[in-house]
C-alpha cells in the first residue's frame, strides 16, 4: 500500500523504517522518499507511457484511447500530486468548456468532476 500523506491530518508522511520480508531485516532511521511514492499504480503507468512516447500527447491519446483534454487533465493531476499542491477551488469551467467543444463526453466530464471533488 502506498501512502504519501497522513490519513488524519493530511501532512506528508516521513519514512522511518524499511523492512525486508525475505530475510526479516528492519532498518530504522529517517529515510528520503521519492516523488514516485506519492503516485498510485495508474498514475505510474501513465507516467511510464508518457516517457515512452517522449511526451507526445497525440500518441498518448491513441494508445490510451482517450481525448486530448483527458490526457492533459490526467497529467495536471499527476503534476499536482508530485508538487503536493491542492487542485484549484471547485472550478470546473475547463471541463465544461471541453465538453462544449466536444473534446470529451458527458461521462468523461462527470468522471473528471468527481475525481476533482474527491481529491
N, C-alpha and C. Protein backbone atom coordinates (compact mmCIF):
# COMPACT_ATOMS: atom_id res chain seq x y z
N UNK A 1 0.84 -1.17 0.00
CA UNK A 1 0.00 0.00 0.00
C UNK A 1 0.89 1.24 0.00
N UNK A 2 0.57 2.19 -0.86
CA UNK A 2 1.35 3.42 -0.95
C UNK A 2 0.56 4.55 -0.32
N UNK A 3 1.16 5.17 0.68
CA UNK A 3 0.53 6.31 1.33
C UNK A 3 1.58 7.41 1.41
N UNK A 4 1.25 8.60 0.91
CA UNK A 4 2.18 9.71 0.95
C UNK A 4 1.82 10.72 2.04
N UNK A 5 0.52 10.77 2.38
CA UNK A 5 0.05 11.75 3.37
C UNK A 5 -0.67 11.05 4.51
N UNK A 6 -0.64 11.67 5.67
CA UNK A 6 -1.31 11.15 6.86
C UNK A 6 -2.81 11.10 6.63
N UNK A 7 -3.43 9.97 6.91
CA UNK A 7 -4.88 9.88 6.71
C UNK A 7 -5.68 10.73 7.71
N UNK A 8 -5.06 11.20 8.77
CA UNK A 8 -5.75 12.01 9.78
C UNK A 8 -5.60 13.50 9.49
N UNK A 9 -4.34 13.99 9.42
CA UNK A 9 -4.11 15.43 9.26
C UNK A 9 -3.70 15.82 7.85
N UNK A 10 -3.42 14.85 6.99
CA UNK A 10 -3.07 15.05 5.58
C UNK A 10 -1.69 15.66 5.36
N UNK A 11 -0.86 15.72 6.40
CA UNK A 11 0.52 16.17 6.22
C UNK A 11 1.35 15.06 5.60
N UNK A 12 2.49 15.42 5.04
CA UNK A 12 3.39 14.46 4.40
C UNK A 12 3.93 13.48 5.44
N UNK A 13 3.92 12.20 5.10
CA UNK A 13 4.45 11.17 6.00
C UNK A 13 5.96 11.03 5.79
N UNK A 14 6.68 10.77 6.87
CA UNK A 14 8.11 10.57 6.83
C UNK A 14 8.40 9.08 6.98
N UNK A 15 9.31 8.57 6.15
CA UNK A 15 9.68 7.16 6.22
C UNK A 15 10.66 6.97 7.37
N UNK A 16 10.31 6.09 8.32
CA UNK A 16 11.15 5.85 9.49
C UNK A 16 11.69 4.43 9.55
N UNK A 17 11.09 3.50 8.78
CA UNK A 17 11.53 2.12 8.85
C UNK A 17 11.42 1.46 7.47
N UNK A 18 12.44 0.67 7.15
CA UNK A 18 12.44 -0.16 5.93
C UNK A 18 12.53 -1.61 6.38
N UNK A 19 11.82 -2.47 5.68
CA UNK A 19 11.75 -3.87 6.09
C UNK A 19 11.89 -4.79 4.89
N UNK A 20 12.69 -5.86 5.05
CA UNK A 20 12.84 -6.89 4.03
C UNK A 20 12.09 -8.13 4.50
N UNK A 21 11.04 -8.50 3.78
CA UNK A 21 10.25 -9.67 4.17
C UNK A 21 10.98 -10.97 3.87
N UNK A 22 11.99 -10.92 3.01
CA UNK A 22 12.73 -12.13 2.66
C UNK A 22 13.64 -12.59 3.81
N UNK A 23 14.40 -11.66 4.37
CA UNK A 23 15.34 -12.03 5.44
C UNK A 23 14.98 -11.47 6.81
N UNK A 24 13.84 -10.82 6.91
CA UNK A 24 13.32 -10.29 8.17
C UNK A 24 14.22 -9.19 8.76
N UNK A 25 14.88 -8.42 7.89
CA UNK A 25 15.73 -7.33 8.33
C UNK A 25 14.90 -6.05 8.40
N UNK A 26 15.09 -5.29 9.48
CA UNK A 26 14.45 -3.98 9.63
C UNK A 26 15.52 -2.93 9.81
N UNK A 27 15.37 -1.80 9.12
CA UNK A 27 16.26 -0.66 9.27
C UNK A 27 15.42 0.51 9.75
N UNK A 28 15.85 1.14 10.85
CA UNK A 28 15.12 2.28 11.39
C UNK A 28 15.98 3.53 11.27
N UNK A 29 15.33 4.63 10.99
CA UNK A 29 16.01 5.91 10.85
C UNK A 29 15.11 6.88 10.10
N UNK A 30 15.70 7.91 9.53
CA UNK A 30 14.96 8.86 8.69
C UNK A 30 15.40 8.65 7.26
N UNK A 31 14.46 8.28 6.41
CA UNK A 31 14.76 7.97 5.02
C UNK A 31 14.03 8.92 4.09
N UNK A 32 14.69 9.27 3.01
CA UNK A 32 14.08 10.13 2.00
C UNK A 32 13.09 9.31 1.20
N UNK A 33 12.02 9.93 0.82
CA UNK A 33 11.01 9.30 -0.01
C UNK A 33 11.00 10.01 -1.36
N UNK A 34 10.89 9.27 -2.44
CA UNK A 34 10.88 9.90 -3.76
C UNK A 34 9.47 10.36 -4.12
N UNK A 35 9.37 11.22 -5.09
CA UNK A 35 8.07 11.70 -5.54
C UNK A 35 7.26 10.57 -6.16
N UNK A 36 7.92 9.51 -6.58
CA UNK A 36 7.21 8.35 -7.12
C UNK A 36 6.27 7.74 -6.09
N UNK A 37 6.67 7.81 -4.83
CA UNK A 37 5.88 7.21 -3.76
C UNK A 37 4.50 7.84 -3.62
N UNK A 38 4.36 9.08 -4.08
CA UNK A 38 3.08 9.77 -3.98
C UNK A 38 2.09 9.35 -5.06
N UNK A 39 2.57 8.64 -6.09
CA UNK A 39 1.72 8.27 -7.22
C UNK A 39 1.14 6.87 -7.03
N UNK A 40 -0.11 6.70 -7.46
CA UNK A 40 -0.71 5.37 -7.41
C UNK A 40 -0.31 4.58 -8.67
N UNK A 41 -0.70 3.34 -8.75
CA UNK A 41 -0.28 2.46 -9.85
C UNK A 41 -0.74 3.00 -11.21
N UNK A 42 -1.96 3.50 -11.28
CA UNK A 42 -2.48 4.03 -12.54
C UNK A 42 -1.68 5.26 -12.99
N UNK A 43 -1.34 6.12 -12.04
CA UNK A 43 -0.54 7.30 -12.37
C UNK A 43 0.86 6.92 -12.81
N UNK A 44 1.45 5.92 -12.16
CA UNK A 44 2.78 5.47 -12.56
C UNK A 44 2.77 4.88 -13.97
N UNK A 45 1.72 4.12 -14.30
CA UNK A 45 1.58 3.59 -15.66
C UNK A 45 1.48 4.73 -16.67
N UNK A 46 0.72 5.76 -16.32
CA UNK A 46 0.57 6.92 -17.19
C UNK A 46 1.92 7.60 -17.41
N UNK A 47 2.67 7.83 -16.34
CA UNK A 47 3.99 8.48 -16.44
C UNK A 47 4.93 7.62 -17.27
N UNK A 48 4.90 6.32 -17.06
CA UNK A 48 5.76 5.40 -17.82
C UNK A 48 5.48 5.52 -19.32
N UNK A 49 4.19 5.48 -19.69
CA UNK A 49 3.81 5.60 -21.10
C UNK A 49 4.18 6.98 -21.64
N UNK A 50 3.94 8.01 -20.84
CA UNK A 50 4.27 9.38 -21.25
C UNK A 50 5.75 9.50 -21.60
N UNK A 51 6.60 8.89 -20.78
CA UNK A 51 8.04 8.91 -21.05
C UNK A 51 8.37 8.08 -22.29
N UNK A 52 7.72 6.95 -22.45
CA UNK A 52 7.99 6.09 -23.61
C UNK A 52 7.62 6.77 -24.93
N UNK A 53 6.57 7.59 -24.93
CA UNK A 53 6.18 8.28 -26.15
C UNK A 53 6.80 9.68 -26.21
N UNK A 54 7.75 9.93 -25.33
CA UNK A 54 8.52 11.17 -25.28
C UNK A 54 7.63 12.40 -25.15
N UNK A 55 6.58 12.28 -24.34
CA UNK A 55 5.71 13.41 -24.06
C UNK A 55 4.76 13.79 -25.17
N UNK A 56 4.61 12.92 -26.17
CA UNK A 56 3.72 13.21 -27.30
C UNK A 56 2.27 12.95 -26.88
N UNK A 57 1.53 14.02 -26.66
CA UNK A 57 0.16 13.88 -26.16
C UNK A 57 -0.75 13.22 -27.19
N UNK A 58 -0.53 13.50 -28.46
CA UNK A 58 -1.34 12.85 -29.51
C UNK A 58 -1.15 11.33 -29.47
N UNK A 59 0.08 10.90 -29.21
CA UNK A 59 0.35 9.46 -29.11
C UNK A 59 -0.29 8.88 -27.86
N UNK A 60 -0.31 9.65 -26.78
CA UNK A 60 -0.99 9.21 -25.56
C UNK A 60 -2.48 9.00 -25.84
N UNK A 61 -3.08 9.94 -26.58
CA UNK A 61 -4.49 9.81 -26.95
C UNK A 61 -4.75 8.48 -27.65
N UNK A 62 -3.90 8.19 -28.62
CA UNK A 62 -4.07 6.97 -29.42
C UNK A 62 -3.91 5.72 -28.56
N UNK A 63 -2.84 5.68 -27.78
CA UNK A 63 -2.54 4.47 -27.00
C UNK A 63 -3.53 4.22 -25.87
N UNK A 64 -4.05 5.29 -25.27
CA UNK A 64 -4.98 5.13 -24.16
C UNK A 64 -6.44 5.22 -24.59
N UNK A 65 -6.64 5.60 -25.86
CA UNK A 65 -7.99 5.75 -26.41
C UNK A 65 -8.82 6.74 -25.58
N UNK A 66 -8.18 7.89 -25.28
CA UNK A 66 -8.85 8.96 -24.54
C UNK A 66 -8.62 10.27 -25.28
N UNK A 67 -9.39 11.28 -24.94
CA UNK A 67 -9.30 12.57 -25.62
C UNK A 67 -8.09 13.38 -25.14
N UNK A 68 -7.74 14.36 -25.96
CA UNK A 68 -6.64 15.27 -25.64
C UNK A 68 -6.84 15.94 -24.28
N UNK A 69 -8.02 16.51 -24.01
CA UNK A 69 -8.22 17.14 -22.70
C UNK A 69 -8.11 16.16 -21.54
N UNK A 70 -8.51 14.92 -21.75
CA UNK A 70 -8.40 13.92 -20.70
C UNK A 70 -6.93 13.63 -20.40
N UNK A 71 -6.12 13.53 -21.44
CA UNK A 71 -4.67 13.34 -21.25
C UNK A 71 -4.11 14.53 -20.46
N UNK A 72 -4.47 15.75 -20.88
CA UNK A 72 -3.98 16.94 -20.20
C UNK A 72 -4.42 16.99 -18.74
N UNK A 73 -5.67 16.62 -18.48
CA UNK A 73 -6.17 16.64 -17.11
C UNK A 73 -5.48 15.59 -16.23
N UNK A 74 -5.25 14.40 -16.78
CA UNK A 74 -4.53 13.37 -16.01
C UNK A 74 -3.11 13.83 -15.71
N UNK A 75 -2.49 14.45 -16.69
CA UNK A 75 -1.14 14.96 -16.49
C UNK A 75 -1.13 16.06 -15.42
N UNK A 76 -2.11 16.94 -15.45
CA UNK A 76 -2.21 18.01 -14.45
C UNK A 76 -2.41 17.44 -13.05
N UNK A 77 -3.22 16.37 -12.93
CA UNK A 77 -3.44 15.72 -11.63
C UNK A 77 -2.13 15.14 -11.10
N UNK A 78 -1.36 14.52 -11.98
CA UNK A 78 -0.08 13.93 -11.57
C UNK A 78 0.90 15.03 -11.14
N UNK A 79 0.92 16.12 -11.87
CA UNK A 79 1.81 17.23 -11.52
C UNK A 79 1.42 17.80 -10.16
N UNK A 80 0.12 17.96 -9.91
CA UNK A 80 -0.33 18.45 -8.59
C UNK A 80 0.08 17.48 -7.50
N UNK A 81 -0.02 16.18 -7.78
CA UNK A 81 0.37 15.16 -6.80
C UNK A 81 1.87 15.25 -6.50
N UNK A 82 2.66 15.40 -7.54
CA UNK A 82 4.11 15.49 -7.37
C UNK A 82 4.49 16.75 -6.58
N UNK A 83 3.85 17.86 -6.92
CA UNK A 83 4.15 19.12 -6.23
C UNK A 83 3.57 19.15 -4.83
N UNK A 84 2.59 18.29 -4.58
CA UNK A 84 1.94 18.29 -3.28
C UNK A 84 0.99 19.45 -3.11
N UNK A 85 0.46 19.95 -4.22
CA UNK A 85 -0.47 21.07 -4.16
C UNK A 85 -1.89 20.59 -4.32
N UNK A 86 -2.78 21.36 -3.81
CA UNK A 86 -4.20 21.08 -3.93
C UNK A 86 -4.70 21.60 -5.27
N UNK A 87 -5.69 20.94 -5.85
CA UNK A 87 -6.28 21.49 -7.07
C UNK A 87 -6.94 22.84 -6.77
N UNK A 88 -7.11 23.61 -7.83
CA UNK A 88 -7.76 24.90 -7.66
C UNK A 88 -9.14 24.67 -7.06
N UNK A 89 -9.71 25.77 -6.53
CA UNK A 89 -11.05 25.67 -5.96
C UNK A 89 -11.98 25.03 -6.97
N UNK A 90 -13.11 24.60 -6.50
CA UNK A 90 -14.06 23.86 -7.32
C UNK A 90 -14.49 24.64 -8.55
N UNK A 91 -13.57 24.82 -9.47
CA UNK A 91 -13.86 25.49 -10.74
C UNK A 91 -13.77 24.43 -11.82
N UNK A 92 -14.90 24.15 -12.40
CA UNK A 92 -14.97 23.11 -13.42
C UNK A 92 -15.13 23.71 -14.81
N UNK A 93 -14.82 25.00 -14.96
CA UNK A 93 -15.05 25.66 -16.24
C UNK A 93 -14.23 25.04 -17.37
N UNK A 94 -13.02 24.58 -17.08
CA UNK A 94 -12.22 23.95 -18.12
C UNK A 94 -12.88 22.65 -18.61
N UNK A 95 -13.46 21.91 -17.68
CA UNK A 95 -14.14 20.66 -18.06
C UNK A 95 -15.40 20.98 -18.87
N UNK A 96 -16.15 21.98 -18.42
CA UNK A 96 -17.37 22.37 -19.14
C UNK A 96 -17.03 22.87 -20.54
N UNK A 97 -15.94 23.65 -20.66
CA UNK A 97 -15.50 24.12 -21.98
C UNK A 97 -15.12 22.96 -22.89
N UNK A 98 -14.39 21.99 -22.34
CA UNK A 98 -14.01 20.82 -23.14
C UNK A 98 -15.24 20.04 -23.58
N UNK A 99 -16.24 19.96 -22.71
CA UNK A 99 -17.50 19.29 -23.05
C UNK A 99 -18.23 20.06 -24.14
N UNK A 100 -18.31 21.39 -23.99
CA UNK A 100 -18.97 22.23 -25.00
C UNK A 100 -18.30 22.13 -26.36
N UNK A 101 -16.97 22.03 -26.36
CA UNK A 101 -16.22 21.94 -27.61
C UNK A 101 -16.27 20.55 -28.23
N UNK A 102 -16.78 19.58 -27.47
CA UNK A 102 -16.88 18.22 -27.99
C UNK A 102 -15.61 17.41 -27.83
N UNK A 103 -14.66 17.91 -27.01
CA UNK A 103 -13.42 17.18 -26.79
C UNK A 103 -13.62 15.98 -25.88
N UNK A 104 -14.59 16.08 -24.98
CA UNK A 104 -14.86 14.99 -24.04
C UNK A 104 -16.35 14.69 -24.02
N UNK A 105 -16.68 13.49 -23.60
CA UNK A 105 -18.08 13.07 -23.49
C UNK A 105 -18.64 13.50 -22.14
N UNK A 106 -19.94 13.37 -21.99
CA UNK A 106 -20.59 13.69 -20.72
C UNK A 106 -20.04 12.78 -19.62
N UNK A 107 -19.88 11.50 -19.92
CA UNK A 107 -19.34 10.56 -18.92
C UNK A 107 -17.93 10.96 -18.50
N UNK A 108 -17.09 11.35 -19.46
CA UNK A 108 -15.73 11.78 -19.12
C UNK A 108 -15.78 13.03 -18.25
N UNK A 109 -16.66 13.96 -18.59
CA UNK A 109 -16.78 15.19 -17.80
C UNK A 109 -17.21 14.88 -16.38
N UNK A 110 -18.20 14.02 -16.23
CA UNK A 110 -18.66 13.64 -14.89
C UNK A 110 -17.56 12.96 -14.09
N UNK A 111 -16.82 12.07 -14.73
CA UNK A 111 -15.71 11.38 -14.06
C UNK A 111 -14.63 12.37 -13.62
N UNK A 112 -14.32 13.33 -14.48
CA UNK A 112 -13.29 14.32 -14.16
C UNK A 112 -13.74 15.21 -13.00
N UNK A 113 -15.00 15.60 -12.99
CA UNK A 113 -15.53 16.41 -11.90
C UNK A 113 -15.50 15.62 -10.60
N UNK A 114 -15.92 14.37 -10.66
CA UNK A 114 -15.92 13.52 -9.46
C UNK A 114 -14.50 13.33 -8.93
N UNK A 115 -13.54 13.13 -9.83
CA UNK A 115 -12.14 12.96 -9.42
C UNK A 115 -11.64 14.20 -8.69
N UNK A 116 -11.95 15.37 -9.21
CA UNK A 116 -11.52 16.62 -8.55
C UNK A 116 -12.19 16.79 -7.20
N UNK A 117 -13.43 16.42 -7.09
CA UNK A 117 -14.14 16.60 -5.82
C UNK A 117 -13.61 15.68 -4.74
N UNK A 118 -13.13 14.50 -5.11
CA UNK A 118 -12.67 13.53 -4.11
C UNK A 118 -11.23 13.75 -3.71
N UNK A 119 -10.50 14.60 -4.38
CA UNK A 119 -9.08 14.83 -4.07
C UNK A 119 -8.91 15.90 -3.06
